[in-house]
């Protein structure tokens, strides 16, 4: 895979890697994994809410009054 970054992002990545004492590759991998984890968690929460919200809609409406 080839990753093309704008110059300022590439420079920021290089600086971060140097400060953290690791490779740019490692930073990109961590960033991708964190993104996937956050998206997966958000998707799961959305699925649960869509499934369960109708079940409690009346009670939630009453609580909101």
PDB file of N, CA and C in Angstrom:
ATOM      1  N   UNK A   1       0.845  -1.169   0.000  1.00  0.00           N
ATOM      2  CA  UNK A   1       0.000   0.000   0.000  1.00  0.00           C
ATOM      3  C   UNK A   1       0.894   1.237   0.000  1.00  0.00           C
ATOM      4  N   UNK A   2       0.463   2.236  -0.709  1.00  0.00           N
ATOM      5  CA  UNK A   2       1.178   3.501  -0.735  1.00  0.00           C
ATOM      6  C   UNK A   2       0.305   4.548  -0.067  1.00  0.00           C
ATOM      7  N   UNK A   3       0.910   5.318   0.811  1.00  0.00           N
ATOM      8  CA  UNK A   3       0.189   6.378   1.501  1.00  0.00           C
ATOM      9  C   UNK A   3       0.775   7.711   1.062  1.00  0.00           C
ATOM     10  N   UNK A   4      -0.053   8.536   0.466  1.00  0.00           N
ATOM     11  CA  UNK A   4       0.395   9.857   0.009  1.00  0.00           C
ATOM     12  C   UNK A   4      -0.206  10.903   0.941  1.00  0.00           C
ATOM     13  N   UNK A   5       0.662  11.667   1.570  1.00  0.00           N
ATOM     14  CA  UNK A   5       0.231  12.693   2.505  1.00  0.00           C
ATOM     15  C   UNK A   5       0.625  14.068   1.997  1.00  0.00           C
ATOM     16  N   UNK A   6      -0.165  15.081   2.334  1.00  0.00           N
ATOM     17  CA  UNK A   6       0.283  16.442   2.049  1.00  0.00           C
ATOM     18  C   UNK A   6       1.596  16.703   2.807  1.00  0.00           C
ATOM     19  N   UNK A   7       2.387  17.609   2.312  1.00  0.00           N
ATOM     20  CA  UNK A   7       3.709  17.872   2.885  1.00  0.00           C
ATOM     21  C   UNK A   7       3.654  18.167   4.379  1.00  0.00           C
ATOM     22  N   UNK A   8       2.700  18.977   4.806  1.00  0.00           N
ATOM     23  CA  UNK A   8       2.652  19.334   6.237  1.00  0.00           C
ATOM     24  C   UNK A   8       2.281  18.126   7.098  1.00  0.00           C
ATOM     25  N   UNK A   9       1.417  17.248   6.604  1.00  0.00           N
ATOM     26  CA  UNK A   9       1.079  16.035   7.356  1.00  0.00           C
ATOM     27  C   UNK A   9       2.269  15.086   7.415  1.00  0.00           C
ATOM     28  N   UNK A  10       2.990  14.993   6.319  1.00  0.00           N
ATOM     29  CA  UNK A  10       4.169  14.134   6.273  1.00  0.00           C
ATOM     30  C   UNK A  10       5.224  14.621   7.259  1.00  0.00           C
ATOM     31  N   UNK A  11       5.426  15.926   7.309  1.00  0.00           N
ATOM     32  CA  UNK A  11       6.387  16.507   8.239  1.00  0.00           C
ATOM     33  C   UNK A  11       5.945  16.278   9.684  1.00  0.00           C
ATOM     34  N   UNK A  12       4.672  16.478   9.963  1.00  0.00           N
ATOM     35  CA  UNK A  12       4.148  16.259  11.312  1.00  0.00           C
ATOM     36  C   UNK A  12       4.311  14.798  11.721  1.00  0.00           C
ATOM     37  N   UNK A  13       4.064  13.893  10.806  1.00  0.00           N
ATOM     38  CA  UNK A  13       4.231  12.464  11.081  1.00  0.00           C
ATOM     39  C   UNK A  13       5.695  12.145  11.380  1.00  0.00           C
ATOM     40  N   UNK A  14       6.592  12.688  10.580  1.00  0.00           N
ATOM     41  CA  UNK A  14       8.026  12.449  10.788  1.00  0.00           C
ATOM     42  C   UNK A  14       8.476  12.993  12.138  1.00  0.00           C
ATOM     43  N   UNK A  15       8.026  14.185  12.496  1.00  0.00           N
ATOM     44  CA  UNK A  15       8.386  14.781  13.794  1.00  0.00           C
ATOM     45  C   UNK A  15       7.841  13.965  14.949  1.00  0.00           C
ATOM     46  N   UNK A  16       6.601  13.533  14.822  1.00  0.00           N
ATOM     47  CA  UNK A  16       5.990  12.731  15.879  1.00  0.00           C
ATOM     48  C   UNK A  16       6.732  11.420  16.057  1.00  0.00           C
ATOM     49  N   UNK A  17       7.077  10.784  14.974  1.00  0.00           N
ATOM     50  CA  UNK A  17       7.823   9.522  15.041  1.00  0.00           C
ATOM     51  C   UNK A  17       9.165   9.731  15.730  1.00  0.00           C
ATOM     52  N   UNK A  18       9.834  10.827  15.386  1.00  0.00           N
ATOM     53  CA  UNK A  18      11.131  11.107  16.003  1.00  0.00           C
ATOM     54  C   UNK A  18      10.968  11.362  17.505  1.00  0.00           C
ATOM     55  N   UNK A  19       9.978  12.155  17.878  1.00  0.00           N
ATOM     56  CA  UNK A  19       9.742  12.452  19.302  1.00  0.00           C
ATOM     57  C   UNK A  19       9.391  11.205  20.097  1.00  0.00           C
ATOM     58  N   UNK A  20       8.623  10.323  19.494  1.00  0.00           N
ATOM     59  CA  UNK A  20       8.184   9.113  20.191  1.00  0.00           C
ATOM     60  C   UNK A  20       9.192   7.973  20.071  1.00  0.00           C
ATOM     61  N   UNK A  21      10.178   8.145  19.235  1.00  0.00           N
ATOM     62  CA  UNK A  21      11.202   7.123  19.079  1.00  0.00           C
ATOM     63  C   UNK A  21      10.700   5.853  18.411  1.00  0.00           C
ATOM     64  N   UNK A  22       9.808   6.032  17.458  1.00  0.00           N
ATOM     65  CA  UNK A  22       9.306   4.880  16.716  1.00  0.00           C
ATOM     66  C   UNK A  22       9.207   5.247  15.241  1.00  0.00           C
ATOM     67  N   UNK A  23       8.806   4.300  14.451  1.00  0.00           N
ATOM     68  CA  UNK A  23       8.736   4.546  13.011  1.00  0.00           C
ATOM     69  C   UNK A  23       7.411   5.210  12.624  1.00  0.00           C
ATOM     70  N   UNK A  24       7.435   5.867  11.501  1.00  0.00           N
ATOM     71  CA  UNK A  24       6.209   6.447  10.953  1.00  0.00           C
ATOM     72  C   UNK A  24       5.194   5.342  10.674  1.00  0.00           C
ATOM     73  N   UNK A  25       5.700   4.220  10.222  1.00  0.00           N
ATOM     74  CA  UNK A  25       4.845   3.056   9.946  1.00  0.00           C
ATOM     75  C   UNK A  25       4.056   2.660  11.201  1.00  0.00           C
ATOM     76  N   UNK A  26       4.756   2.600  12.333  1.00  0.00           N
ATOM     77  CA  UNK A  26       4.092   2.213  13.583  1.00  0.00           C
ATOM     78  C   UNK A  26       3.008   3.210  13.978  1.00  0.00           C
ATOM     79  N   UNK A  27       3.284   4.491  13.815  1.00  0.00           N
ATOM     80  CA  UNK A  27       2.297   5.519  14.155  1.00  0.00           C
ATOM     81  C   UNK A  27       1.064   5.400  13.278  1.00  0.00           C
ATOM     82  N   UNK A  28       1.277   5.177  11.991  1.00  0.00           N
ATOM     83  CA  UNK A  28       0.151   5.026  11.067  1.00  0.00           C
ATOM     84  C   UNK A  28      -0.675   3.793  11.431  1.00  0.00           C
ATOM     85  N   UNK A  29      -0.021   2.686  11.775  1.00  0.00           N
ATOM     86  CA  UNK A  29      -0.749   1.473  12.167  1.00  0.00           C
ATOM     87  C   UNK A  29      -1.608   1.717  13.402  1.00  0.00           C
ATOM     88  N   UNK A  30      -1.032   2.370  14.403  1.00  0.00           N
ATOM     89  CA  UNK A  30      -1.788   2.664  15.626  1.00  0.00           C
ATOM     90  C   UNK A  30      -2.985   3.553  15.299  1.00  0.00           C
ATOM     91  N   UNK A  31      -2.770   4.559  14.481  1.00  0.00           N
ATOM     92  CA  UNK A  31      -3.859   5.472  14.111  1.00  0.00           C
ATOM     93  C   UNK A  31      -4.986   4.741  13.390  1.00  0.00           C
ATOM     94  N   UNK A  32      -4.636   3.860  12.484  1.00  0.00           N
ATOM     95  CA  UNK A  32      -5.644   3.088  11.753  1.00  0.00           C
ATOM     96  C   UNK A  32      -6.415   2.174  12.699  1.00  0.00           C
ATOM     97  N   UNK A  33      -5.703   1.495  13.577  1.00  0.00           N
ATOM     98  CA  UNK A  33      -6.369   0.588  14.527  1.00  0.00           C
ATOM     99  C   UNK A  33      -7.305   1.341  15.454  1.00  0.00           C
ATOM    100  N   UNK A  34      -6.866   2.506  15.955  1.00  0.00           N
ATOM    101  CA  UNK A  34      -7.724   3.304  16.833  1.00  0.00           C
ATOM    102  C   UNK A  34      -8.968   3.791  16.091  1.00  0.00           C
ATOM    103  N   UNK A  35      -8.796   4.207  14.853  1.00  0.00           N
ATOM    104  CA  UNK A  35      -9.924   4.657  14.038  1.00  0.00           C
ATOM    105  C   UNK A  35     -10.940   3.533  13.853  1.00  0.00           C
ATOM    106  N   UNK A  36     -10.454   2.368  13.494  1.00  0.00           N
ATOM    107  CA  UNK A  36     -11.342   1.219  13.274  1.00  0.00           C
ATOM    108  C   UNK A  36     -12.069   0.850  14.561  1.00  0.00           C
ATOM    109  N   UNK A  37     -11.358   0.882  15.678  1.00  0.00           N
ATOM    110  CA  UNK A  37     -11.984   0.553  16.962  1.00  0.00           C
ATOM    111  C   UNK A  37     -13.081   1.558  17.316  1.00  0.00           C
ATOM    112  N   UNK A  38     -12.790   2.851  17.146  1.00  0.00           N
ATOM    113  CA  UNK A  38     -13.800   3.883  17.444  1.00  0.00           C
ATOM    114  C   UNK A  38     -15.013   3.736  16.541  1.00  0.00           C
ATOM    115  N   UNK A  39     -14.779   3.526  15.255  1.00  0.00           N
ATOM    116  CA  UNK A  39     -15.888   3.384  14.302  1.00  0.00           C
ATOM    117  C   UNK A  39     -16.717   2.152  14.602  1.00  0.00           C
ATOM    118  N   UNK A  40     -16.049   1.059  14.948  1.00  0.00           N
ATOM    119  CA  UNK A  40     -16.763  -0.173  15.278  1.00  0.00           C
ATOM    120  C   UNK A  40     -17.628   0.000  16.508  1.00  0.00           C
ATOM    121  N   UNK A  41     -17.090   0.682  17.522  1.00  0.00           N
ATOM    122  CA  UNK A  41     -17.835   0.919  18.756  1.00  0.00           C
ATOM    123  C   UNK A  41     -19.042   1.821  18.477  1.00  0.00           C
ATOM    124  N   UNK A  42     -18.842   2.870  17.691  1.00  0.00           N
ATOM    125  CA  UNK A  42     -19.935   3.786  17.364  1.00  0.00           C
ATOM    126  C   UNK A  42     -21.025   3.060  16.580  1.00  0.00           C
ATOM    127  N   UNK A  43     -20.622   2.202  15.667  1.00  0.00           N
ATOM    128  CA  UNK A  43     -21.586   1.439  14.880  1.00  0.00           C
ATOM    129  C   UNK A  43     -22.392   0.493  15.758  1.00  0.00           C
ATOM    130  N   UNK A  44     -21.727  -0.155  16.702  1.00  0.00           N
ATOM    131  CA  UNK A  44     -22.410  -1.067  17.616  1.00  0.00           C
ATOM    132  C   UNK A  44     -23.417  -0.313  18.475  1.00  0.00           C
ATOM    133  N   UNK A  45     -23.020   0.844  18.994  1.00  0.00           N
ATOM    134  CA  UNK A  45     -23.931   1.656  19.817  1.00  0.00           C
ATOM    135  C   UNK A  45     -25.141   2.076  18.990  1.00  0.00           C
ATOM    136  N   UNK A  46     -24.907   2.478  17.754  1.00  0.00           N
ATOM    137  CA  UNK A  46     -26.009   2.886  16.885  1.00  0.00           C
ATOM    138  C   UNK A  46     -26.963   1.725  16.624  1.00  0.00           C
ATOM    139  N   UNK A  47     -26.440   0.535  16.399  1.00  0.00           N
ATOM    140  CA  UNK A  47     -27.286  -0.635  16.162  1.00  0.00           C
ATOM    141  C   UNK A  47     -28.145  -0.947  17.382  1.00  0.00           C
ATOM    142  N   UNK A  48     -27.544  -0.893  18.559  1.00  0.00           N
ATOM    143  CA  UNK A  48     -28.288  -1.166  19.790  1.00  0.00           C
ATOM    144  C   UNK A  48     -29.371  -0.110  19.997  1.00  0.00           C
ATOM    145  N   UNK A  49     -29.018   1.147  19.789  1.00  0.00           N
ATOM    146  CA  UNK A  49     -29.999   2.224  19.972  1.00  0.00           C
ATOM    147  C   UNK A  49     -31.166   2.064  18.997  1.00  0.00           C
ATOM    148  N   UNK A  50     -30.869   1.751  17.752  1.00  0.00           N
ATOM    149  CA  UNK A  50     -31.935   1.570  16.763  1.00  0.00           C
ATOM    150  C   UNK A  50     -32.835   0.393  17.112  1.00  0.00           C
ATOM    151  N   UNK A  51     -32.255  -0.633  17.703  1.00  0.00           N
ATOM    152  CA  UNK A  51     -33.039  -1.815  18.060  1.00  0.00           C
ATOM    153  C   UNK A  51     -33.849  -1.607  19.330  1.00  0.00           C
ATOM    154  N   UNK A  52     -33.291  -0.909  20.309  1.00  0.00           N
ATOM    155  CA  UNK A  52     -33.912  -0.807  21.627  1.00  0.00           C
ATOM    156  C   UNK A  52     -34.741   0.456  21.836  1.00  0.00           C
ATOM    157  N   UNK A  53     -34.437   1.525  21.144  1.00  0.00           N
ATOM    158  CA  UNK A  53     -35.145   2.784  21.359  1.00  0.00           C
ATOM    159  C   UNK A  53     -36.647   2.680  21.147  1.00  0.00           C
ATOM    160  N   UNK A  54     -37.104   2.043  20.080  1.00  0.00           N
ATOM    161  CA  UNK A  54     -38.563   1.938  19.896  1.00  0.00           C
ATOM    162  C   UNK A  54     -39.247   1.244  21.076  1.00  0.00           C
ATOM    163  N   UNK A  55     -38.565   0.308  21.663  1.00  0.00           N
ATOM    164  CA  UNK A  55     -39.125  -0.443  22.789  1.00  0.00           C
ATOM    165  C   UNK A  55     -39.401   0.454  23.986  1.00  0.00           C
ATOM    166  N   UNK A  56     -38.584   1.491  24.170  1.00  0.00           N
ATOM    167  CA  UNK A  56     -38.725   2.373  25.324  1.00  0.00           C
ATOM    168  C   UNK A  56     -39.207   3.768  24.947  1.00  0.00           C
ATOM    169  N   UNK A  57     -39.676   3.958  23.741  1.00  0.00           N
ATOM    170  CA  UNK A  57     -40.061   5.276  23.245  1.00  0.00           C
ATOM    171  C   UNK A  57     -41.132   5.928  24.114  1.00  0.00           C
ATOM    172  N   UNK A  58     -42.144   5.183  24.480  1.00  0.00           N
ATOM    173  CA  UNK A  58     -43.230   5.766  25.281  1.00  0.00           C
ATOM    174  C   UNK A  58     -42.724   6.229  26.647  1.00  0.00           C
ATOM    175  N   UNK A  59     -41.938   5.392  27.281  1.00  0.00           N
ATOM    176  CA  UNK A  59     -41.398   5.751  28.598  1.00  0.00           C
ATOM    177  C   UNK A  59     -40.467   6.966  28.487  1.00  0.00           C
ATOM    178  N   UNK A  60     -39.660   7.022  27.447  1.00  0.00           N
ATOM    179  CA  UNK A  60     -38.771   8.157  27.263  1.00  0.00           C
ATOM    180  C   UNK A  60     -39.553   9.442  26.994  1.00  0.00           C
ATOM    181  N   UNK A  61     -40.632   9.325  26.240  1.00  0.00           N
ATOM    182  CA  UNK A  61     -41.485  10.492  25.987  1.00  0.00           C
ATOM    183  C   UNK A  61     -42.058  11.029  27.296  1.00  0.00           C
ATOM    184  N   UNK A  62     -42.541  10.122  28.155  1.00  0.00           N
ATOM    185  CA  UNK A  62     -43.098  10.550  29.442  1.00  0.00           C
ATOM    186  C   UNK A  62     -42.027  11.180  30.325  1.00  0.00           C
ATOM    187  N   UNK A  63     -40.837  10.630  30.316  1.00  0.00           N
ATOM    188  CA  UNK A  63     -39.750  11.208  31.116  1.00  0.00           C
ATOM    189  C   UNK A  63     -39.363  12.588  30.623  1.00  0.00           C
ATOM    190  N   UNK A  64     -39.506  12.833  29.343  1.00  0.00           N
ATOM    191  CA  UNK A  64     -39.150  14.115  28.751  1.00  0.00           C
ATOM    192  C   UNK A  64     -40.164  15.207  29.014  1.00  0.00           C
ATOM    193  N   UNK A  65     -41.307  14.866  29.560  1.00  0.00           N
ATOM    194  CA  UNK A  65     -42.350  15.885  29.801  1.00  0.00           C
ATOM    195  C   UNK A  65     -42.209  16.524  31.146  1.00  0.00           C
TER     196      UNK A  65
END
